[in-house]
C-alpha atoms as a PDB file:
ATOM      1  CA  UNK A   1      32.413  -8.988  -5.831  1.00  0.00           C
ATOM      2  CA  UNK A   2      29.544 -10.430  -7.852  1.00  0.00           C
ATOM      3  CA  UNK A   3      27.149 -12.875  -6.276  1.00  0.00           C
ATOM      4  CA  UNK A   4      27.022 -16.130  -8.253  1.00  0.00           C
ATOM      5  CA  UNK A   5      23.649 -17.819  -8.703  1.00  0.00           C
ATOM      6  CA  UNK A   6      24.151 -21.242 -10.246  1.00  0.00           C
ATOM      7  CA  UNK A   7      20.475 -21.606 -11.232  1.00  0.00           C
ATOM      8  CA  UNK A   8      20.400 -18.315 -13.151  1.00  0.00           C
ATOM      9  CA  UNK A   9      20.754 -19.954 -16.572  1.00  0.00           C
ATOM     10  CA  UNK A  10      17.619 -21.947 -15.721  1.00  0.00           C
ATOM     11  CA  UNK A  11      15.857 -18.776 -14.540  1.00  0.00           C
ATOM     12  CA  UNK A  12      16.422 -17.311 -18.018  1.00  0.00           C
ATOM     13  CA  UNK A  13      14.418 -20.021 -19.841  1.00  0.00           C
ATOM     14  CA  UNK A  14      11.020 -18.271 -19.579  1.00  0.00           C
ATOM     15  CA  UNK A  15      12.495 -15.169 -21.221  1.00  0.00           C
ATOM     16  CA  UNK A  16      13.647 -16.702 -24.489  1.00  0.00           C
ATOM     17  CA  UNK A  17      15.650 -19.257 -26.349  1.00  0.00           C
ATOM     18  CA  UNK A  18      17.815 -21.448 -24.130  1.00  0.00           C
ATOM     19  CA  UNK A  19      21.147 -21.244 -25.936  1.00  0.00           C
ATOM     20  CA  UNK A  20      23.517 -19.484 -23.529  1.00  0.00           C
ATOM     21  CA  UNK A  21      24.980 -22.822 -22.446  1.00  0.00           C
ATOM     22  CA  UNK A  22      25.974 -23.551 -26.057  1.00  0.00           C
ATOM     23  CA  UNK A  23      28.370 -20.596 -26.102  1.00  0.00           C
ATOM     24  CA  UNK A  24      31.974 -21.537 -25.406  1.00  0.00           C
ATOM     25  CA  UNK A  25      33.060 -17.884 -25.224  1.00  0.00           C
ATOM     26  CA  UNK A  26      35.295 -17.955 -28.294  1.00  0.00           C
ATOM     27  CA  UNK A  27      34.873 -14.209 -28.870  1.00  0.00           C
ATOM     28  CA  UNK A  28      33.661 -14.386 -32.474  1.00  0.00           C
ATOM     29  CA  UNK A  29      30.557 -12.359 -31.545  1.00  0.00           C
ATOM     30  CA  UNK A  30      32.655  -9.660 -29.883  1.00  0.00           C
ATOM     31  CA  UNK A  31      35.010  -9.516 -32.850  1.00  0.00           C
ATOM     32  CA  UNK A  32      32.195  -8.988 -35.377  1.00  0.00           C
ATOM     33  CA  UNK A  33      29.966  -6.730 -33.246  1.00  0.00           C
ATOM     34  CA  UNK A  34      29.826  -3.167 -34.635  1.00  0.00           C
ATOM     35  CA  UNK A  35      29.604  -1.836 -31.077  1.00  0.00           C
ATOM     36  CA  UNK A  36      33.190  -2.858 -30.288  1.00  0.00           C
ATOM     37  CA  UNK A  37      32.374  -2.007 -26.705  1.00  0.00           C
ATOM     38  CA  UNK A  38      34.131  -3.797 -23.874  1.00  0.00           C
ATOM     39  CA  UNK A  39      33.758  -7.316 -25.333  1.00  0.00           C
ATOM     40  CA  UNK A  40      30.016  -7.019 -25.914  1.00  0.00           C
ATOM     41  CA  UNK A  41      28.135  -9.427 -26.173  1.00  0.00           C
ATOM     42  CA  UNK A  42      30.716 -11.984 -25.042  1.00  0.00           C
ATOM     43  CA  UNK A  43      30.982 -10.532 -21.539  1.00  0.00           C
ATOM     44  CA  UNK A  44      27.213 -10.434 -20.984  1.00  0.00           C
ATOM     45  CA  UNK A  45      26.787 -14.034 -22.187  1.00  0.00           C
ATOM     46  CA  UNK A  46      29.531 -15.140 -19.820  1.00  0.00           C
ATOM     47  CA  UNK A  47      27.680 -13.438 -16.948  1.00  0.00           C
ATOM     48  CA  UNK A  48      24.634 -15.579 -17.797  1.00  0.00           C
ATOM     49  CA  UNK A  49      26.716 -18.737 -17.853  1.00  0.00           C
ATOM     50  CA  UNK A  50      28.344 -18.150 -14.483  1.00  0.00           C
ATOM     51  CA  UNK A  51      25.180 -16.825 -12.858  1.00  0.00           C
ATOM     52  CA  UNK A  52      26.399 -13.271 -12.258  1.00  0.00           C
ATOM     53  CA  UNK A  53      22.877 -11.841 -12.199  1.00  0.00           C
ATOM     54  CA  UNK A  54      24.003  -8.765 -10.248  1.00  0.00           C
ATOM     55  CA  UNK A  55      26.547  -7.931 -12.963  1.00  0.00           C
ATOM     56  CA  UNK A  56      23.913  -8.273 -15.678  1.00  0.00           C
ATOM     57  CA  UNK A  57      21.589  -5.915 -13.856  1.00  0.00           C
ATOM     58  CA  UNK A  58      24.508  -3.562 -13.172  1.00  0.00           C
ATOM     59  CA  UNK A  59      25.382  -3.460 -16.904  1.00  0.00           C
ATOM     60  CA  UNK A  60      21.811  -3.649 -18.175  1.00  0.00           C
ATOM     61  CA  UNK A  61      22.098  -0.386 -20.116  1.00  0.00           C
ATOM     62  CA  UNK A  62      24.620  -2.098 -22.385  1.00  0.00           C
ATOM     63  CA  UNK A  63      21.875  -4.432 -23.599  1.00  0.00           C
ATOM     64  CA  UNK A  64      19.989  -1.576 -25.240  1.00  0.00           C
ATOM     65  CA  UNK A  65      23.030  -0.620 -27.303  1.00  0.00           C
ATOM     66  CA  UNK A  66      22.633  -3.806 -29.332  1.00  0.00           C
ATOM     67  CA  UNK A  67      21.650  -3.053 -32.931  1.00  0.00           C
ATOM     68  CA  UNK A  68      20.223  -6.564 -33.500  1.00  0.00           C
ATOM     69  CA  UNK A  69      22.021  -6.616 -36.813  1.00  0.00           C
ATOM     70  CA  UNK A  70      22.429 -10.412 -36.635  1.00  0.00           C
ATOM     71  CA  UNK A  71      26.161 -10.505 -37.350  1.00  0.00           C
ATOM     72  CA  UNK A  72      26.932 -12.249 -34.069  1.00  0.00           C
ATOM     73  CA  UNK A  73      24.349 -14.939 -34.728  1.00  0.00           C
ATOM     74  CA  UNK A  74      25.466 -15.474 -38.329  1.00  0.00           C
ATOM     75  CA  UNK A  75      29.095 -15.964 -37.315  1.00  0.00           C
ATOM     76  CA  UNK A  76      28.657 -18.020 -34.121  1.00  0.00           C
ATOM     77  CA  UNK A  77      30.429 -21.359 -34.703  1.00  0.00           C
ATOM     78  CA  UNK A  78      28.292 -23.094 -32.062  1.00  0.00           C
ATOM     79  CA  UNK A  79      24.882 -21.713 -33.054  1.00  0.00           C
ATOM     80  CA  UNK A  80      24.515 -20.064 -29.654  1.00  0.00           C
ATOM     81  CA  UNK A  81      22.487 -17.185 -31.168  1.00  0.00           C
ATOM     82  CA  UNK A  82      23.980 -14.287 -29.174  1.00  0.00           C
ATOM     83  CA  UNK A  83      21.334 -11.901 -30.522  1.00  0.00           C
ATOM     84  CA  UNK A  84      18.543 -13.973 -29.004  1.00  0.00           C
ATOM     85  CA  UNK A  85      20.427 -14.177 -25.713  1.00  0.00           C
ATOM     86  CA  UNK A  86      20.568 -10.365 -25.636  1.00  0.00           C
ATOM     87  CA  UNK A  87      16.818 -10.160 -26.367  1.00  0.00           C
ATOM     88  CA  UNK A  88      16.136 -12.671 -23.585  1.00  0.00           C
ATOM     89  CA  UNK A  89      18.235 -10.609 -21.196  1.00  0.00           C
ATOM     90  CA  UNK A  90      16.304  -7.470 -22.119  1.00  0.00           C
ATOM     91  CA  UNK A  91      13.078  -9.284 -21.267  1.00  0.00           C
ATOM     92  CA  UNK A  92      14.593 -10.466 -17.994  1.00  0.00           C
ATOM     93  CA  UNK A  93      15.795  -6.988 -17.022  1.00  0.00           C
ATOM     94  CA  UNK A  94      12.422  -5.407 -17.802  1.00  0.00           C
ATOM     95  CA  UNK A  95      10.617  -8.082 -15.767  1.00  0.00           C
ATOM     96  CA  UNK A  96      13.004  -7.652 -12.829  1.00  0.00           C
ATOM     97  CA  UNK A  97      13.534  -3.903 -12.890  1.00  0.00           C
ATOM     98  CA  UNK A  98      13.015  -2.270  -9.517  1.00  0.00           C
ATOM     99  CA  UNK A  99      12.811   1.380  -8.745  1.00  0.00           C
ATOM    100  CA  UNK A 100      15.393   2.404  -6.196  1.00  0.00           C
END
């Protein structure tokens, strides 16, 4: 079970644009994404929204599959900028990476 951290969306602010809250998880980004991989980036953005930091770190390799093609951002009906959210998450993961 994932640990939920309600302040996580606030913790993300230093790492990039604060737009994850704008996403209403419609799935447009996942439908247009050329990765077509397990609802990426929709799933990762949802993890940010609900504060599932452990899940983000667990699936952090998925972040580096992003091509940054911009299709998700161009088609987002809410202007949530999924591409920037992914970049922010990469910055977060790098800053919080720990050797096991």
